């Protein structure tokens, strides 16, 4: 999943050929001139000019920063060529009517800002993916997808792997499910000696199903030696958690003695 997110993000940010030409490569500094309006001003060499705004970006494969440099006079027909426009020149052109007063507003597109800081955005996403791992619950739910075959083929091996990851985060339902898989031999060899400690561990974290399962195991005496005393202890624990069936089993065991 981490690789998938990274690939999608790179596909969204890595520019196509047109963008690569537009920013003049993917390394170093890039200046861009965007036209705002035509003006009746000539350059020092008689060039036709237009009013535009300039941005400066720094790239290291992806954008490191982007800066708004304000108004400039772009040279028509020459991509990226311009004359700087300081405040004194701007006021002078406004006084003789060559530039409007007030000056027209402009807005740098959000996509330009996004691409301009794309390297930092990527680093933040990678940090989130790698340093803030999935919760025990989300890993458990992923395991259930393979365990029950929800929109995928049942795969006990994958389910077991996800339950193990979730169990390492002390998520009780995952620990309980590991016990069930050992008890039934799902994806792993059937082994009651592995199952019981897992049920006990899940019980310690408050899992009601683990208490009921342990009660049933000791009551039935099939997988482990029958022990009504221990069965009553586990059923009683589940009963205290509000499990009606366990409460009935406690009463039933008491009637037998």
Protein backbone atom coordinates (compact mmCIF):
# COMPACT_ATOMS: atom_id res chain seq x y z
CA UNK A 1 0.00 0.00 0.00
CA UNK A 2 2.86 2.36 0.82
CA UNK A 3 4.40 1.79 -2.62
CA UNK A 4 1.02 2.34 -4.29
CA UNK A 5 0.50 5.69 -2.54
CA UNK A 6 4.01 6.79 -3.46
CA UNK A 7 3.58 5.83 -7.13
CA UNK A 8 0.25 7.66 -7.39
CA UNK A 9 1.74 10.75 -5.79
CA UNK A 10 4.73 10.77 -8.11
CA UNK A 11 2.50 10.32 -11.14
CA UNK A 12 0.49 13.33 -10.04
CA UNK A 13 3.51 15.56 -9.47
CA UNK A 14 6.17 14.57 -11.99
CA UNK A 15 5.62 16.92 -14.95
CA UNK A 16 5.06 15.79 -18.51
CA UNK A 17 7.31 16.87 -21.39
CA UNK A 18 5.43 20.12 -21.86
CA UNK A 19 5.86 21.03 -18.20
CA UNK A 20 9.52 20.07 -18.30
CA UNK A 21 10.05 22.50 -21.19
CA UNK A 22 8.00 25.13 -19.43
CA UNK A 23 10.20 25.13 -16.33
CA UNK A 24 13.39 24.54 -18.34
CA UNK A 25 14.36 21.27 -16.78
CA UNK A 26 14.03 19.77 -13.37
CA UNK A 27 17.20 21.05 -11.73
CA UNK A 28 18.29 24.56 -10.84
CA UNK A 29 16.45 27.86 -10.99
CA UNK A 30 13.57 28.67 -13.31
CA UNK A 31 11.92 32.01 -14.07
CA UNK A 32 8.44 32.19 -15.57
CA UNK A 33 6.65 35.17 -17.06
CA UNK A 34 2.86 35.15 -17.24
CA UNK A 35 1.07 37.75 -19.33
CA UNK A 36 -1.50 40.00 -17.66
CA UNK A 37 -2.34 42.47 -20.44
CA UNK A 38 -1.01 44.19 -23.55
CA UNK A 39 0.52 47.64 -23.08
CA UNK A 40 1.70 50.38 -25.43
CA UNK A 41 5.32 50.35 -24.29
CA UNK A 42 8.49 49.70 -26.29
CA UNK A 43 11.66 48.09 -25.02
CA UNK A 44 15.12 49.68 -25.26
CA UNK A 45 15.64 47.88 -28.56
CA UNK A 46 12.21 48.72 -29.89
CA UNK A 47 10.57 45.45 -28.80
CA UNK A 48 6.84 45.23 -28.20
CA UNK A 49 6.18 44.64 -24.53
CA UNK A 50 3.35 43.36 -22.36
CA UNK A 51 2.60 43.63 -18.66
CA UNK A 52 3.17 40.38 -16.81
CA UNK A 53 4.25 38.94 -13.52
CA UNK A 54 7.32 36.83 -12.78
CA UNK A 55 7.83 33.86 -10.51
CA UNK A 56 11.14 32.25 -9.60
CA UNK A 57 11.32 28.57 -8.71
CA UNK A 58 14.12 26.32 -7.54
CA UNK A 59 14.06 22.67 -8.58
CA UNK A 60 15.84 19.55 -7.47
CA UNK A 61 13.91 17.08 -9.62
CA UNK A 62 10.84 18.50 -7.88
CA UNK A 63 10.00 21.95 -6.59
CA UNK A 64 11.99 23.29 -3.62
CA UNK A 65 10.39 26.74 -3.52
CA UNK A 66 8.49 29.29 -5.62
CA UNK A 67 8.64 33.08 -5.17
CA UNK A 68 6.39 35.84 -6.48
CA UNK A 69 8.67 38.52 -7.99
CA UNK A 70 5.89 40.92 -8.93
CA UNK A 71 5.30 42.91 -12.12
CA UNK A 72 7.65 42.86 -15.13
CA UNK A 73 7.46 43.94 -18.76
CA UNK A 74 7.64 40.82 -20.89
CA UNK A 75 9.05 40.88 -24.41
CA UNK A 76 6.57 39.65 -27.00
CA UNK A 77 7.75 36.67 -29.01
CA UNK A 78 10.62 35.89 -26.67
CA UNK A 79 9.74 33.21 -24.14
CA UNK A 80 10.96 34.08 -20.67
CA UNK A 81 12.52 37.42 -21.70
CA UNK A 82 11.53 40.55 -19.81
CA UNK A 83 12.50 43.97 -18.47
CA UNK A 84 12.44 44.47 -14.69
CA UNK A 85 9.89 46.97 -13.43
CA UNK A 86 10.79 48.75 -10.20
CA UNK A 87 8.51 51.09 -8.29
CA UNK A 88 9.96 54.26 -9.80
CA UNK A 89 9.52 52.98 -13.35
CA UNK A 90 6.02 51.73 -12.56
CA UNK A 91 4.96 55.16 -11.23
CA UNK A 92 6.47 56.86 -14.26
CA UNK A 93 4.55 54.63 -16.69
CA UNK A 94 1.37 55.21 -14.70
CA UNK A 95 1.85 58.99 -14.83
CA UNK A 96 2.17 59.00 -18.62
CA UNK A 97 -0.77 56.60 -19.01
CA UNK A 98 1.23 53.62 -20.30
CA UNK A 99 0.24 51.51 -17.30
CA UNK A 100 -3.11 51.50 -15.50
CA UNK A 101 -3.62 52.98 -12.06
CA UNK A 102 -4.39 51.05 -9.97
CA UNK A 103 -2.41 48.12 -11.34
CA UNK A 104 -4.42 45.02 -12.28
CA UNK A 105 -4.39 42.23 -9.75
CA UNK A 106 -3.13 38.73 -10.54
CA UNK A 107 -3.14 35.40 -8.79
CA UNK A 108 -0.57 32.63 -9.06
CA UNK A 109 -2.47 29.37 -9.74
CA UNK A 110 -2.68 26.91 -6.86
CA UNK A 111 -1.16 24.21 -9.07
CA UNK A 112 1.94 26.38 -9.50
CA UNK A 113 2.32 26.68 -5.72
CA UNK A 114 1.74 22.94 -5.39
CA UNK A 115 4.40 22.10 -7.97
CA UNK A 116 6.72 24.78 -6.60
CA UNK A 117 6.81 23.11 -3.17
CA UNK A 118 6.24 19.54 -4.39
CA UNK A 119 9.50 18.17 -2.96
CA UNK A 120 8.52 19.22 0.56
CA UNK A 121 4.99 17.89 0.09
CA UNK A 122 6.45 14.55 -0.98
CA UNK A 123 8.72 14.46 2.06
CA UNK A 124 5.77 15.12 4.39
CA UNK A 125 3.74 12.33 2.78
CA UNK A 126 6.65 9.89 3.05
CA UNK A 127 7.11 10.82 6.70
CA UNK A 128 3.45 10.17 7.39
CA UNK A 129 3.58 6.82 5.58
CA UNK A 130 6.79 5.57 7.18
CA UNK A 131 6.76 7.13 10.64
CA UNK A 132 3.05 6.92 11.39
CA UNK A 133 2.25 3.27 10.70
CA UNK A 134 -1.22 1.79 10.52
CA UNK A 135 -3.13 1.24 13.72
CA UNK A 136 -3.81 -2.19 15.15
CA UNK A 137 -7.46 -1.83 14.19
CA UNK A 138 -6.76 -1.05 10.53
CA UNK A 139 -4.34 -3.98 10.27
CA UNK A 140 -6.93 -6.23 11.91
CA UNK A 141 -9.62 -5.10 9.46
CA UNK A 142 -7.26 -5.77 6.57
CA UNK A 143 -6.67 -9.27 7.93
CA UNK A 144 -10.43 -9.83 8.19
CA UNK A 145 -10.73 -8.97 4.51
CA UNK A 146 -8.59 -12.00 3.64
CA UNK A 147 -9.95 -14.19 6.45
CA UNK A 148 -13.58 -13.83 5.41
CA UNK A 149 -12.94 -13.21 1.69
CA UNK A 150 -14.50 -9.75 1.51
CA UNK A 151 -14.24 -8.84 -2.19
CA UNK A 152 -11.08 -10.94 -2.38
CA UNK A 153 -10.26 -14.63 -2.35
CA UNK A 154 -9.92 -16.15 1.11
CA UNK A 155 -6.24 -16.26 1.98
CA UNK A 156 -5.46 -17.50 5.50
CA UNK A 157 -1.74 -16.86 5.11
CA UNK A 158 -2.27 -13.17 4.37
CA UNK A 159 -4.92 -12.92 7.07
CA UNK A 160 -2.55 -14.48 9.61
CA UNK A 161 0.22 -12.05 8.63
CA UNK A 162 -2.03 -9.02 9.13
CA UNK A 163 -3.36 -10.37 12.42
CA UNK A 164 0.22 -10.83 13.61
CA UNK A 165 1.06 -7.20 12.79
CA UNK A 166 -2.07 -6.06 14.59
CA UNK A 167 -1.34 -8.31 17.57
CA UNK A 168 2.08 -6.69 17.98
CA UNK A 169 0.17 -3.48 18.67
CA UNK A 170 -1.74 -5.31 21.45
CA UNK A 171 -5.04 -5.26 19.55
CA UNK A 172 -7.12 -7.88 21.38
CA UNK A 173 -9.42 -9.01 18.49
CA UNK A 174 -6.34 -9.78 16.38
CA UNK A 175 -4.76 -11.81 19.18
CA UNK A 176 -8.02 -13.71 19.58
CA UNK A 177 -8.18 -14.43 15.84
CA UNK A 178 -4.62 -15.77 15.90
CA UNK A 179 -5.77 -18.16 18.61
CA UNK A 180 -8.72 -19.27 16.49
CA UNK A 181 -6.47 -19.89 13.48
CA UNK A 182 -4.13 -22.04 15.59
CA UNK A 183 -7.14 -23.83 17.09
CA UNK A 184 -8.62 -24.63 13.67
CA UNK A 185 -5.40 -24.99 11.70
CA UNK A 186 -6.19 -22.12 9.34
CA UNK A 187 -3.07 -21.01 7.51
CA UNK A 188 -0.94 -22.60 10.24
CA UNK A 189 -0.68 -26.13 11.69
CA UNK A 190 -3.44 -26.95 14.18
CA UNK A 191 -1.91 -26.45 17.62
CA UNK A 192 -3.96 -26.06 20.80
CA UNK A 193 -0.78 -25.34 22.76
CA UNK A 194 -0.34 -22.19 20.67
CA UNK A 195 -4.03 -21.28 20.76
CA UNK A 196 -4.68 -21.28 24.53
CA UNK A 197 -1.94 -18.75 25.47
CA UNK A 198 -3.22 -16.44 22.73
CA UNK A 199 -6.76 -16.64 24.10
CA UNK A 200 -5.42 -15.93 27.58
CA UNK A 201 -3.46 -12.95 26.26
CA UNK A 202 -6.55 -11.59 24.51
CA UNK A 203 -8.52 -12.12 27.72
CA UNK A 204 -6.00 -10.07 29.68
CA UNK A 205 -6.71 -7.17 27.32
CA UNK A 206 -10.44 -7.56 27.90
CA UNK A 207 -11.60 -9.64 24.94
CA UNK A 208 -14.93 -11.27 25.82
CA UNK A 209 -14.80 -13.80 22.98
CA UNK A 210 -11.52 -15.14 24.35
CA UNK A 211 -13.14 -15.74 27.74
CA UNK A 212 -16.10 -17.55 26.18
CA UNK A 213 -13.84 -19.66 23.96
CA UNK A 214 -11.66 -20.72 26.89
CA UNK A 215 -14.78 -21.55 28.88
CA UNK A 216 -16.08 -23.73 26.04
CA UNK A 217 -12.73 -25.49 25.61
CA UNK A 218 -12.57 -26.49 29.29
CA UNK A 219 -16.27 -27.35 29.41
CA UNK A 220 -16.25 -29.57 26.32
CA UNK A 221 -12.94 -31.26 27.10
CA UNK A 222 -12.20 -32.13 23.46
CA UNK A 223 -9.08 -30.12 22.65
CA UNK A 224 -7.89 -29.94 26.25
CA UNK A 225 -8.74 -31.96 29.40
CA UNK A 226 -12.21 -31.21 30.71
CA UNK A 227 -12.19 -28.95 33.76
CA UNK A 228 -15.52 -27.50 34.90
CA UNK A 229 -13.81 -25.38 37.55
CA UNK A 230 -11.71 -23.57 34.96
CA UNK A 231 -14.66 -23.44 32.57
CA UNK A 232 -16.70 -21.68 35.24
CA UNK A 233 -13.90 -19.18 35.87
CA UNK A 234 -13.74 -18.18 32.20
CA UNK A 235 -17.51 -18.12 31.72
CA UNK A 236 -17.85 -16.03 34.86
CA UNK A 237 -15.33 -13.55 33.52
CA UNK A 238 -17.29 -13.24 30.26
CA UNK A 239 -20.54 -12.98 32.22
CA UNK A 240 -19.08 -10.00 34.07
CA UNK A 241 -18.54 -8.40 30.68
CA UNK A 242 -22.22 -8.72 29.85
CA UNK A 243 -22.22 -11.95 27.80
CA UNK A 244 -25.65 -13.57 28.39
CA UNK A 245 -24.61 -16.98 27.07
CA UNK A 246 -21.67 -17.09 29.47
CA UNK A 247 -23.96 -16.19 32.39
CA UNK A 248 -26.23 -19.11 31.48
CA UNK A 249 -23.23 -21.44 31.35
CA UNK A 250 -22.17 -20.33 34.84
CA UNK A 251 -25.64 -21.15 36.15
CA UNK A 252 -25.63 -24.46 34.28
CA UNK A 253 -22.27 -25.53 35.77
CA UNK A 254 -23.44 -24.56 39.25
CA UNK A 255 -26.53 -26.76 38.81
CA UNK A 256 -24.28 -29.73 37.99
CA UNK A 257 -22.49 -29.46 41.32
